[in-house]
Amino acid sequence: MNSNANMERLHALLLQIPPGKVTTYKAIAHAMGTKGYRFVGQLLNKNPHPEQFPCYKVVNADGRLGGFALGDTEKIRRLKADGIEVKQGKIVGFKERFFEF
């Protein structure tokens, strides 16, 4: 799959995440048919439209925030605006908030 096709697939997956839910790099990689969790992170970092494609909803498999091109403070602000609480760098109630594709 070429880079544009990967980005389009990633965008389609991001749009499936319901309000108040998060998913993981691993879950997205699995849904894309790859084990490349870091590859997913690299694609997310290149997301030119974070308002349209909510990459801030992607976190580590243990509920930690992971990265965000606009910084942790902005990621937390966006998650809170979506009704997701963050404490000490982790999603509160991660298992209940987790969205599996």
PDB file of N, CA and C in Angstrom:
ATOM      1  N   MET A   1       0.841  -1.169   0.000  1.00  0.00           N
ATOM      2  CA  MET A   1       0.000   0.000   0.000  1.00  0.00           C
ATOM      3  C   MET A   1       0.891   1.238   0.000  1.00  0.00           C
ATOM      4  N   ASN A   2       0.546   2.196  -0.831  1.00  0.00           N
ATOM      5  CA  ASN A   2       1.380   3.394  -0.856  1.00  0.00           C
ATOM      6  C   ASN A   2       1.011   4.331   0.288  1.00  0.00           C
ATOM      7  N   SER A   3       1.794   5.357   0.430  1.00  0.00           N
ATOM      8  CA  SER A   3       1.639   6.287   1.541  1.00  0.00           C
ATOM      9  C   SER A   3       0.270   6.969   1.561  1.00  0.00           C
ATOM     10  N   ASN A   4      -0.222   7.400   0.414  1.00  0.00           N
ATOM     11  CA  ASN A   4      -1.541   8.044   0.356  1.00  0.00           C
ATOM     12  C   ASN A   4      -2.648   7.067   0.738  1.00  0.00           C
ATOM     13  N   ALA A   5      -2.546   5.839   0.272  1.00  0.00           N
ATOM     14  CA  ALA A   5      -3.551   4.823   0.608  1.00  0.00           C
ATOM     15  C   ALA A   5      -3.526   4.537   2.109  1.00  0.00           C
ATOM     16  N   ASN A   6      -2.328   4.482   2.698  1.00  0.00           N
ATOM     17  CA  ASN A   6      -2.212   4.271   4.144  1.00  0.00           C
ATOM     18  C   ASN A   6      -2.864   5.410   4.917  1.00  0.00           C
ATOM     19  N   MET A   7      -2.608   6.640   4.479  1.00  0.00           N
ATOM     20  CA  MET A   7      -3.170   7.796   5.164  1.00  0.00           C
ATOM     21  C   MET A   7      -4.696   7.810   5.027  1.00  0.00           C
ATOM     22  N   GLU A   8      -5.201   7.468   3.862  1.00  0.00           N
ATOM     23  CA  GLU A   8      -6.659   7.418   3.665  1.00  0.00           C
ATOM     24  C   GLU A   8      -7.288   6.356   4.555  1.00  0.00           C
ATOM     25  N   ARG A   9      -6.663   5.195   4.663  1.00  0.00           N
ATOM     26  CA  ARG A   9      -7.168   4.126   5.524  1.00  0.00           C
ATOM     27  C   ARG A   9      -7.139   4.579   6.990  1.00  0.00           C
ATOM     28  N   LEU A  10      -6.047   5.217   7.375  1.00  0.00           N
ATOM     29  CA  LEU A  10      -5.924   5.726   8.730  1.00  0.00           C
ATOM     30  C   LEU A  10      -7.025   6.745   9.024  1.00  0.00           C
ATOM     31  N   HIS A  11      -7.244   7.671   8.120  1.00  0.00           N
ATOM     32  CA  HIS A  11      -8.294   8.678   8.306  1.00  0.00           C
ATOM     33  C   HIS A  11      -9.663   8.023   8.460  1.00  0.00           C
ATOM     34  N   ALA A  12      -9.941   7.023   7.647  1.00  0.00           N
ATOM     35  CA  ALA A  12     -11.232   6.316   7.730  1.00  0.00           C
ATOM     36  C   ALA A  12     -11.393   5.654   9.106  1.00  0.00           C
ATOM     37  N   LEU A  13     -10.318   5.081   9.627  1.00  0.00           N
ATOM     38  CA  LEU A  13     -10.375   4.447  10.943  1.00  0.00           C
ATOM     39  C   LEU A  13     -10.576   5.482  12.051  1.00  0.00           C
ATOM     40  N   LEU A  14      -9.877   6.598  11.979  1.00  0.00           N
ATOM     41  CA  LEU A  14     -10.024   7.638  12.991  1.00  0.00           C
ATOM     42  C   LEU A  14     -11.467   8.128  13.078  1.00  0.00           C
ATOM     43  N   LEU A  15     -12.128   8.211  11.940  1.00  0.00           N
ATOM     44  CA  LEU A  15     -13.510   8.685  11.911  1.00  0.00           C
ATOM     45  C   LEU A  15     -14.487   7.688  12.527  1.00  0.00           C
ATOM     46  N   GLN A  16     -14.065   6.453  12.706  1.00  0.00           N
ATOM     47  CA  GLN A  16     -14.931   5.429  13.309  1.00  0.00           C
ATOM     48  C   GLN A  16     -14.941   5.485  14.841  1.00  0.00           C
ATOM     49  N   ILE A  17     -13.991   6.182  15.428  1.00  0.00           N
ATOM     50  CA  ILE A  17     -13.892   6.230  16.895  1.00  0.00           C
ATOM     51  C   ILE A  17     -15.028   7.106  17.430  1.00  0.00           C
ATOM     52  N   PRO A  18     -15.931   6.518  18.222  1.00  0.00           N
ATOM     53  CA  PRO A  18     -17.083   7.289  18.719  1.00  0.00           C
ATOM     54  C   PRO A  18     -16.672   8.361  19.731  1.00  0.00           C
ATOM     55  N   PRO A  19     -17.541   9.345  19.929  1.00  0.00           N
ATOM     56  CA  PRO A  19     -17.288  10.342  20.968  1.00  0.00           C
ATOM     57  C   PRO A  19     -17.109   9.657  22.328  1.00  0.00           C
ATOM     58  N   GLY A  20     -16.176  10.174  23.116  1.00  0.00           N
ATOM     59  CA  GLY A  20     -15.940   9.630  24.449  1.00  0.00           C
ATOM     60  C   GLY A  20     -15.135   8.353  24.479  1.00  0.00           C
ATOM     61  N   LYS A  21     -14.587   7.946  23.336  1.00  0.00           N
ATOM     62  CA  LYS A  21     -13.790   6.717  23.265  1.00  0.00           C
ATOM     63  C   LYS A  21     -12.393   7.029  22.739  1.00  0.00           C
ATOM     64  N   VAL A  22     -11.457   6.141  23.045  1.00  0.00           N
ATOM     65  CA  VAL A  22     -10.095   6.198  22.512  1.00  0.00           C
ATOM     66  C   VAL A  22      -9.750   4.830  21.945  1.00  0.00           C
ATOM     67  N   THR A  23      -8.726   4.782  21.145  1.00  0.00           N
ATOM     68  CA  THR A  23      -8.202   3.506  20.662  1.00  0.00           C
ATOM     69  C   THR A  23      -6.690   3.543  20.808  1.00  0.00           C
ATOM     70  N   THR A  24      -6.034   2.480  20.367  1.00  0.00           N
ATOM     71  CA  THR A  24      -4.584   2.393  20.540  1.00  0.00           C
ATOM     72  C   THR A  24      -3.876   2.309  19.188  1.00  0.00           C
ATOM     73  N   TYR A  25      -2.586   2.607  19.233  1.00  0.00           N
ATOM     74  CA  TYR A  25      -1.752   2.451  18.043  1.00  0.00           C
ATOM     75  C   TYR A  25      -1.832   1.009  17.565  1.00  0.00           C
ATOM     76  N   LYS A  26      -1.816   0.082  18.518  1.00  0.00           N
ATOM     77  CA  LYS A  26      -1.873  -1.353  18.196  1.00  0.00           C
ATOM     78  C   LYS A  26      -3.188  -1.715  17.515  1.00  0.00           C
ATOM     79  N   ALA A  27      -4.313  -1.206  18.025  1.00  0.00           N
ATOM     80  CA  ALA A  27      -5.612  -1.521  17.432  1.00  0.00           C
ATOM     81  C   ALA A  27      -5.716  -0.976  16.014  1.00  0.00           C
ATOM     82  N   ILE A  28      -5.188   0.212  15.791  1.00  0.00           N
ATOM     83  CA  ILE A  28      -5.207   0.785  14.440  1.00  0.00           C
ATOM     84  C   ILE A  28      -4.307  -0.028  13.518  1.00  0.00           C
ATOM     85  N   ALA A  29      -3.109  -0.375  13.994  1.00  0.00           N
ATOM     86  CA  ALA A  29      -2.194  -1.175  13.172  1.00  0.00           C
ATOM     87  C   ALA A  29      -2.869  -2.491  12.781  1.00  0.00           C
ATOM     88  N   HIS A  30      -3.504  -3.133  13.751  1.00  0.00           N
ATOM     89  CA  HIS A  30      -4.193  -4.400  13.477  1.00  0.00           C
ATOM     90  C   HIS A  30      -5.290  -4.197  12.428  1.00  0.00           C
ATOM     91  N   ALA A  31      -6.071  -3.141  12.571  1.00  0.00           N
ATOM     92  CA  ALA A  31      -7.147  -2.855  11.619  1.00  0.00           C
ATOM     93  C   ALA A  31      -6.605  -2.540  10.222  1.00  0.00           C
ATOM     94  N   MET A  32      -5.361  -2.050  10.166  1.00  0.00           N
ATOM     95  CA  MET A  32      -4.728  -1.756   8.877  1.00  0.00           C
ATOM     96  C   MET A  32      -3.997  -2.973   8.320  1.00  0.00           C
ATOM     97  N   GLY A  33      -3.988  -4.068   9.075  1.00  0.00           N
ATOM     98  CA  GLY A  33      -3.339  -5.281   8.597  1.00  0.00           C
ATOM     99  C   GLY A  33      -1.834  -5.270   8.735  1.00  0.00           C
ATOM    100  N   THR A  34      -1.327  -4.563   9.747  1.00  0.00           N
ATOM    101  CA  THR A  34       0.111  -4.501   9.967  1.00  0.00           C
ATOM    102  C   THR A  34       0.400  -4.648  11.454  1.00  0.00           C
ATOM    103  N   LYS A  35       1.644  -4.946  11.783  1.00  0.00           N
ATOM    104  CA  LYS A  35       2.083  -4.961  13.178  1.00  0.00           C
ATOM    105  C   LYS A  35       2.901  -3.709  13.470  1.00  0.00           C
ATOM    106  N   GLY A  36       2.932  -2.796  12.520  1.00  0.00           N
ATOM    107  CA  GLY A  36       3.761  -1.597  12.633  1.00  0.00           C
ATOM    108  C   GLY A  36       3.140  -0.503  13.468  1.00  0.00           C
ATOM    109  N   TYR A  37       3.202  -0.656  14.790  1.00  0.00           N
ATOM    110  CA  TYR A  37       2.627   0.352  15.677  1.00  0.00           C
ATOM    111  C   TYR A  37       3.350   1.684  15.532  1.00  0.00           C
ATOM    112  N   ARG A  38       4.664   1.621  15.377  1.00  0.00           N
ATOM    113  CA  ARG A  38       5.441   2.855  15.199  1.00  0.00           C
ATOM    114  C   ARG A  38       5.109   3.506  13.864  1.00  0.00           C
ATOM    115  N   PHE A  39       4.872   2.688  12.860  1.00  0.00           N
ATOM    116  CA  PHE A  39       4.458   3.199  11.552  1.00  0.00           C
ATOM    117  C   PHE A  39       3.161   3.991  11.688  1.00  0.00           C
ATOM    118  N   VAL A  40       2.221   3.452  12.451  1.00  0.00           N
ATOM    119  CA  VAL A  40       0.954   4.142  12.703  1.00  0.00           C
ATOM    120  C   VAL A  40       1.231   5.477  13.390  1.00  0.00           C
ATOM    121  N   GLY A  41       2.117   5.478  14.381  1.00  0.00           N
ATOM    122  CA  GLY A  41       2.476   6.711  15.070  1.00  0.00           C
ATOM    123  C   GLY A  41       3.068   7.746  14.129  1.00  0.00           C
ATOM    124  N   GLN A  42       3.900   7.287  13.209  1.00  0.00           N
ATOM    125  CA  GLN A  42       4.495   8.199  12.231  1.00  0.00           C
ATOM    126  C   GLN A  42       3.426   8.796  11.311  1.00  0.00           C
ATOM    127  N   LEU A  43       2.491   7.966  10.881  1.00  0.00           N
ATOM    128  CA  LEU A  43       1.397   8.476  10.047  1.00  0.00           C
ATOM    129  C   LEU A  43       0.559   9.494  10.820  1.00  0.00           C
ATOM    130  N   LEU A  44       0.255   9.175  12.074  1.00  0.00           N
ATOM    131  CA  LEU A  44      -0.542  10.090  12.891  1.00  0.00           C
ATOM    132  C   LEU A  44       0.179  11.421  13.072  1.00  0.00           C
ATOM    133  N   ASN A  45       1.476  11.375  13.231  1.00  0.00           N
ATOM    134  CA  ASN A  45       2.259  12.592  13.411  1.00  0.00           C
ATOM    135  C   ASN A  45       2.209  13.487  12.170  1.00  0.00           C
ATOM    136  N   LYS A  46       1.941  12.904  11.017  1.00  0.00           N
ATOM    137  CA  LYS A  46       1.871  13.654   9.758  1.00  0.00           C
ATOM    138  C   LYS A  46       0.451  14.091   9.420  1.00  0.00           C
ATOM    139  N   ASN A  47      -0.507  13.826  10.306  1.00  0.00           N
ATOM    140  CA  ASN A  47      -1.900  14.175  10.052  1.00  0.00           C
ATOM    141  C   ASN A  47      -2.024  15.691   9.908  1.00  0.00           C
ATOM    142  N   PRO A  48      -2.326  16.187   8.692  1.00  0.00           N
ATOM    143  CA  PRO A  48      -2.401  17.638   8.500  1.00  0.00           C
ATOM    144  C   PRO A  48      -3.718  18.253   8.997  1.00  0.00           C
ATOM    145  N   HIS A  49      -4.684  17.427   9.362  1.00  0.00           N
ATOM    146  CA  HIS A  49      -6.005  17.927   9.749  1.00  0.00           C
ATOM    147  C   HIS A  49      -6.495  17.282  11.052  1.00  0.00           C
ATOM    148  N   PRO A  50      -5.848  17.587  12.203  1.00  0.00           N
ATOM    149  CA  PRO A  50      -6.259  16.951  13.456  1.00  0.00           C
ATOM    150  C   PRO A  50      -7.681  17.326  13.892  1.00  0.00           C
ATOM    151  N   GLU A  51      -8.212  18.439  13.395  1.00  0.00           N
ATOM    152  CA  GLU A  51      -9.591  18.796  13.724  1.00  0.00           C
ATOM    153  C   GLU A  51     -10.571  17.875  12.999  1.00  0.00           C
ATOM    154  N   GLN A  52     -10.237  17.508  11.782  1.00  0.00           N
ATOM    155  CA  GLN A  52     -11.110  16.655  10.968  1.00  0.00           C
ATOM    156  C   GLN A  52     -10.909  15.174  11.284  1.00  0.00           C
ATOM    157  N   PHE A  53      -9.670  14.782  11.499  1.00  0.00           N
ATOM    158  CA  PHE A  53      -9.331  13.382  11.766  1.00  0.00           C
ATOM    159  C   PHE A  53      -8.715  13.302  13.165  1.00  0.00           C
ATOM    160  N   PRO A  54      -9.501  12.862  14.171  1.00  0.00           N
ATOM    161  CA  PRO A  54      -9.122  12.987  15.585  1.00  0.00           C
ATOM    162  C   PRO A  54      -8.015  12.050  16.058  1.00  0.00           C
ATOM    163  N   CYS A  55      -6.797  12.361  15.640  1.00  0.00           N
ATOM    164  CA  CYS A  55      -5.657  11.528  16.028  1.00  0.00           C
ATOM    165  C   CYS A  55      -5.350  11.618  17.518  1.00  0.00           C
ATOM    166  N   TYR A  56      -5.861  12.636  18.198  1.00  0.00           N
ATOM    167  CA  TYR A  56      -5.649  12.756  19.639  1.00  0.00           C
ATOM    168  C   TYR A  56      -6.320  11.625  20.400  1.00  0.00           C
ATOM    169  N   LYS A  57      -7.219  10.889  19.755  1.00  0.00           N
ATOM    170  CA  LYS A  57      -7.928   9.778  20.407  1.00  0.00           C
ATOM    171  C   LYS A  57      -7.137   8.475  20.380  1.00  0.00           C
ATOM    172  N   VAL A  58      -5.904   8.523  19.902  1.00  0.00           N
ATOM    173  CA  VAL A  58      -5.063   7.326  19.830  1.00  0.00           C
ATOM    174  C   VAL A  58      -4.034   7.393  20.955  1.00  0.00           C
ATOM    175  N   VAL A  59      -4.006   6.337  21.777  1.00  0.00           N
ATOM    176  CA  VAL A  59      -3.138   6.292  22.958  1.00  0.00           C
ATOM    177  C   VAL A  59      -2.375   4.968  22.997  1.00  0.00           C
ATOM    178  N   ASN A  60      -1.482   4.860  23.965  1.00  0.00           N
ATOM    179  CA  ASN A  60      -0.728   3.614  24.144  1.00  0.00           C
ATOM    180  C   ASN A  60      -1.643   2.508  24.667  1.00  0.00           C
ATOM    181  N   ALA A  61      -1.218   1.272  24.497  1.00  0.00           N
ATOM    182  CA  ALA A  61      -2.026   0.108  24.883  1.00  0.00           C
ATOM    183  C   ALA A  61      -2.283   0.018  26.383  1.00  0.00           C
ATOM    184  N   ASP A  62      -1.503   0.725  27.189  1.00  0.00           N
ATOM    185  CA  ASP A  62      -1.721   0.715  28.637  1.00  0.00           C
ATOM    186  C   ASP A  62      -2.501   1.940  29.114  1.00  0.00           C
ATOM    187  N   GLY A  63      -3.010   2.738  28.173  1.00  0.00           N
ATOM    188  CA  GLY A  63      -3.798   3.912  28.529  1.00  0.00           C
ATOM    189  C   GLY A  63      -3.000   5.190  28.684  1.00  0.00           C
ATOM    190  N   ARG A  64      -1.660   5.097  28.579  1.00  0.00           N
ATOM    191  CA  ARG A  64      -0.857   6.323  28.614  1.00  0.00           C
ATOM    192  C   ARG A  64      -1.104   7.125  27.338  1.00  0.00           C
ATOM    193  N   LEU A  65      -0.874   8.416  27.404  1.00  0.00           N
ATOM    194  CA  LEU A  65      -1.220   9.305  26.298  1.00  0.00           C
ATOM    195  C   LEU A  65      -0.522   9.009  24.984  1.00  0.00           C
ATOM    196  N   GLY A  66       0.740   8.659  25.007  1.00  0.00           N
ATOM    197  CA  GLY A  66       1.469   8.542  23.750  1.00  0.00           C
ATOM    198  C   GLY A  66       1.776   9.945  23.242  1.00  0.00           C
ATOM    199  N   GLY A  67       2.124  10.052  21.987  1.00  0.00           N
ATOM    200  CA  GLY A  67       2.509  11.346  21.440  1.00  0.00           C
ATOM    201  C   GLY A  67       1.356  12.100  20.809  1.00  0.00           C
ATOM    202  N   PHE A  68       1.644  13.344  20.474  1.00  0.00           N
ATOM    203  CA  PHE A  68       0.711  14.194  19.735  1.00  0.00           C
ATOM    204  C   PHE A  68       1.523  15.340  19.183  1.00  0.00           C
ATOM    205  N   ALA A  69       1.442  15.573  17.892  1.00  0.00           N
ATOM    206  CA  ALA A  69       2.272  16.583  17.232  1.00  0.00           C
ATOM    207  C   ALA A  69       2.111  17.967  17.854  1.00  0.00           C
ATOM    208  N   LEU A  70       0.929  18.261  18.404  1.00  0.00           N
ATOM    209  CA  LEU A  70       0.675  19.577  18.992  1.00  0.00           C
ATOM    210  C   LEU A  70       0.979  19.616  20.494  1.00  0.00           C
ATOM    211  N   GLY A  71       1.513  18.518  21.051  1.00  0.00           N
ATOM    212  CA  GLY A  71       1.924  18.475  22.450  1.00  0.00           C
ATOM    213  C   GLY A  71       0.904  17.844  23.379  1.00  0.00           C
ATOM    214  N   ASP A  72       1.398  17.411  24.537  1.00  0.00           N
ATOM    215  CA  ASP A  72       0.559  16.732  25.533  1.00  0.00           C
ATOM    216  C   ASP A  72      -0.567  17.611  26.059  1.00  0.00           C
ATOM    217  N   THR A  73      -0.263  18.869  26.321  1.00  0.00           N
ATOM    218  CA  THR A  73      -1.278  19.773  26.869  1.00  0.00           C
ATOM    219  C   THR A  73      -2.466  19.881  25.920  1.00  0.00           C
ATOM    220  N   GLU A  74      -2.184  20.004  24.647  1.00  0.00           N
ATOM    221  CA  GLU A  74      -3.261  20.107  23.653  1.00  0.00           C
ATOM    222  C   GLU A  74      -4.008  18.781  23.511  1.00  0.00           C
ATOM    223  N   LYS A  75      -3.291  17.668  23.585  1.00  0.00           N
ATOM    224  CA  LYS A  75      -3.942  16.363  23.509  1.00  0.00           C
ATOM    225  C   LYS A  75      -4.906  16.190  24.683  1.00  0.00           C
ATOM    226  N   ILE A  76      -4.465  16.551  25.877  1.00  0.00           N
ATOM    227  CA  ILE A  76      -5.312  16.451  27.068  1.00  0.00           C
ATOM    228  C   ILE A  76      -6.519  17.370  26.935  1.00  0.00           C
ATOM    229  N   ARG A  77      -6.313  18.582  26.446  1.00  0.00           N
ATOM    230  CA  ARG A  77      -7.419  19.525  26.276  1.00  0.00           C
ATOM    231  C   ARG A  77      -8.473  18.954  25.331  1.00  0.00           C
ATOM    232  N   ARG A  78      -8.041  18.371  24.225  1.00  0.00           N
ATOM    233  CA  ARG A  78      -8.977  17.800  23.253  1.00  0.00           C
ATOM    234  C   ARG A  78      -9.694  16.575  23.824  1.00  0.00           C
ATOM    235  N   LEU A  79      -8.965  15.736  24.548  1.00  0.00           N
ATOM    236  CA  LEU A  79      -9.593  14.568  25.165  1.00  0.00           C
ATOM    237  C   LEU A  79     -10.650  14.998  26.182  1.00  0.00           C
ATOM    238  N   LYS A  80     -10.326  15.991  27.016  1.00  0.00           N
ATOM    239  CA  LYS A  80     -11.291  16.484  28.000  1.00  0.00           C
ATOM    240  C   LYS A  80     -12.520  17.064  27.317  1.00  0.00           C
ATOM    241  N   ALA A  81     -12.319  17.778  26.215  1.00  0.00           N
ATOM    242  CA  ALA A  81     -13.443  18.335  25.467  1.00  0.00           C
ATOM    243  C   ALA A  81     -14.335  17.221  24.921  1.00  0.00           C
ATOM    244  N   ASP A  82     -13.770  16.040  24.744  1.00  0.00           N
ATOM    245  CA  ASP A  82     -14.512  14.873  24.247  1.00  0.00           C
ATOM    246  C   ASP A  82     -15.064  14.033  25.410  1.00  0.00           C
ATOM    247  N   GLY A  83     -14.916  14.545  26.636  1.00  0.00           N
ATOM    248  CA  GLY A  83     -15.459  13.847  27.798  1.00  0.00           C
ATOM    249  C   GLY A  83     -14.557  12.778  28.375  1.00  0.00           C
ATOM    250  N   ILE A  84     -13.291  12.810  28.020  1.00  0.00           N
ATOM    251  CA  ILE A  84     -12.339  11.801  28.475  1.00  0.00           C
ATOM    252  C   ILE A  84     -11.407  12.431  29.503  1.00  0.00           C
ATOM    253  N   GLU A  85     -11.383  11.850  30.694  1.00  0.00           N
ATOM    254  CA  GLU A  85     -10.560  12.375  31.777  1.00  0.00           C
ATOM    255  C   GLU A  85      -9.157  11.771  31.722  1.00  0.00           C
ATOM    256  N   VAL A  86      -8.177  12.617  31.988  1.00  0.00           N
ATOM    257  CA  VAL A  86      -6.779  12.196  32.013  1.00  0.00           C
ATOM    258  C   VAL A  86      -6.203  12.548  33.375  1.00  0.00           C
ATOM    259  N   LYS A  87      -5.570  11.562  34.008  1.00  0.00           N
ATOM    260  CA  LYS A  87      -4.882  11.804  35.282  1.00  0.00           C
ATOM    261  C   LYS A  87      -3.502  11.179  35.218  1.00  0.00           C
ATOM    262  N   GLN A  88      -2.511  11.954  35.602  1.00  0.00           N
ATOM    263  CA  GLN A  88      -1.116  11.500  35.622  1.00  0.00           C
ATOM    264  C   GLN A  88      -0.720  10.861  34.292  1.00  0.00           C
ATOM    265  N   GLY A  89      -1.159  11.481  33.191  1.00  0.00           N
ATOM    266  CA  GLY A  89      -0.761  11.035  31.864  1.00  0.00           C
ATOM    267  C   GLY A  89      -1.451   9.787  31.349  1.00  0.00           C
ATOM    268  N   LYS A  90      -2.527   9.359  32.023  1.00  0.00           N
ATOM    269  CA  LYS A  90      -3.250   8.156  31.599  1.00  0.00           C
ATOM    270  C   LYS A  90      -4.745   8.448  31.486  1.00  0.00           C
ATOM    271  N   ILE A  91      -5.404   7.689  30.618  1.00  0.00           N
ATOM    272  CA  ILE A  91      -6.848   7.786  30.447  1.00  0.00           C
ATOM    273  C   ILE A  91      -7.527   7.152  31.659  1.00  0.00           C
ATOM    274  N   VAL A  92      -8.407   7.890  32.309  1.00  0.00           N
ATOM    275  CA  VAL A  92      -9.168   7.365  33.439  1.00  0.00           C
ATOM    276  C   VAL A  92     -10.248   6.430  32.885  1.00  0.00           C
ATOM    277  N   GLY A  93     -10.336   5.223  33.455  1.00  0.00           N
ATOM    278  CA  GLY A  93     -11.314   4.244  32.965  1.00  0.00           C
ATOM    279  C   GLY A  93     -10.989   3.764  31.565  1.00  0.00           C
ATOM    280  N   PHE A  94      -9.703   3.561  31.311  1.00  0.00           N
ATOM    281  CA  PHE A  94      -9.245   3.208  29.960  1.00  0.00           C
ATOM    282  C   PHE A  94     -10.000   2.020  29.356  1.00  0.00           C
ATOM    283  N   LYS A  95     -10.183   0.961  30.123  1.00  0.00           N
ATOM    284  CA  LYS A  95     -10.844  -0.238  29.571  1.00  0.00           C
ATOM    285  C   LYS A  95     -12.257   0.069  29.095  1.00  0.00           C
ATOM    286  N   GLU A  96     -12.959   0.936  29.812  1.00  0.00           N
ATOM    287  CA  GLU A  96     -14.330   1.299  29.428  1.00  0.00           C
ATOM    288  C   GLU A  96     -14.330   2.278  28.252  1.00  0.00           C
ATOM    289  N   ARG A  97     -13.263   3.034  28.108  1.00  0.00           N
ATOM    290  CA  ARG A  97     -13.150   4.040  27.039  1.00  0.00           C
ATOM    291  C   ARG A  97     -12.559   3.484  25.744  1.00  0.00           C
ATOM    292  N   PHE A  98     -12.021   2.267  25.828  1.00  0.00           N
ATOM    293  CA  PHE A  98     -11.307   1.688  24.681  1.00  0.00           C
ATOM    294  C   PHE A  98     -12.258   1.279  23.558  1.00  0.00           C
ATOM    295  N   PHE A  99     -11.929   1.679  22.340  1.00  0.00           N
ATOM    296  CA  PHE A  99     -12.705   1.318  21.153  1.00  0.00           C
ATOM    297  C   PHE A  99     -11.879   0.358  20.301  1.00  0.00           C
ATOM    298  N   GLU A 100     -12.433  -0.819  20.043  1.00  0.00           N
ATOM    299  CA  GLU A 100     -11.785  -1.838  19.198  1.00  0.00           C
ATOM    300  C   GLU A 100     -12.478  -1.842  17.843  1.00  0.00           C
ATOM    301  N   PHE A 101     -11.707  -1.867  16.799  1.00  0.00           N
ATOM    302  CA  PHE A 101     -12.274  -1.887  15.437  1.00  0.00           C
ATOM    303  C   PHE A 101     -12.825  -3.246  15.098  1.00  0.00           C
TER     304      PHE A 101
END
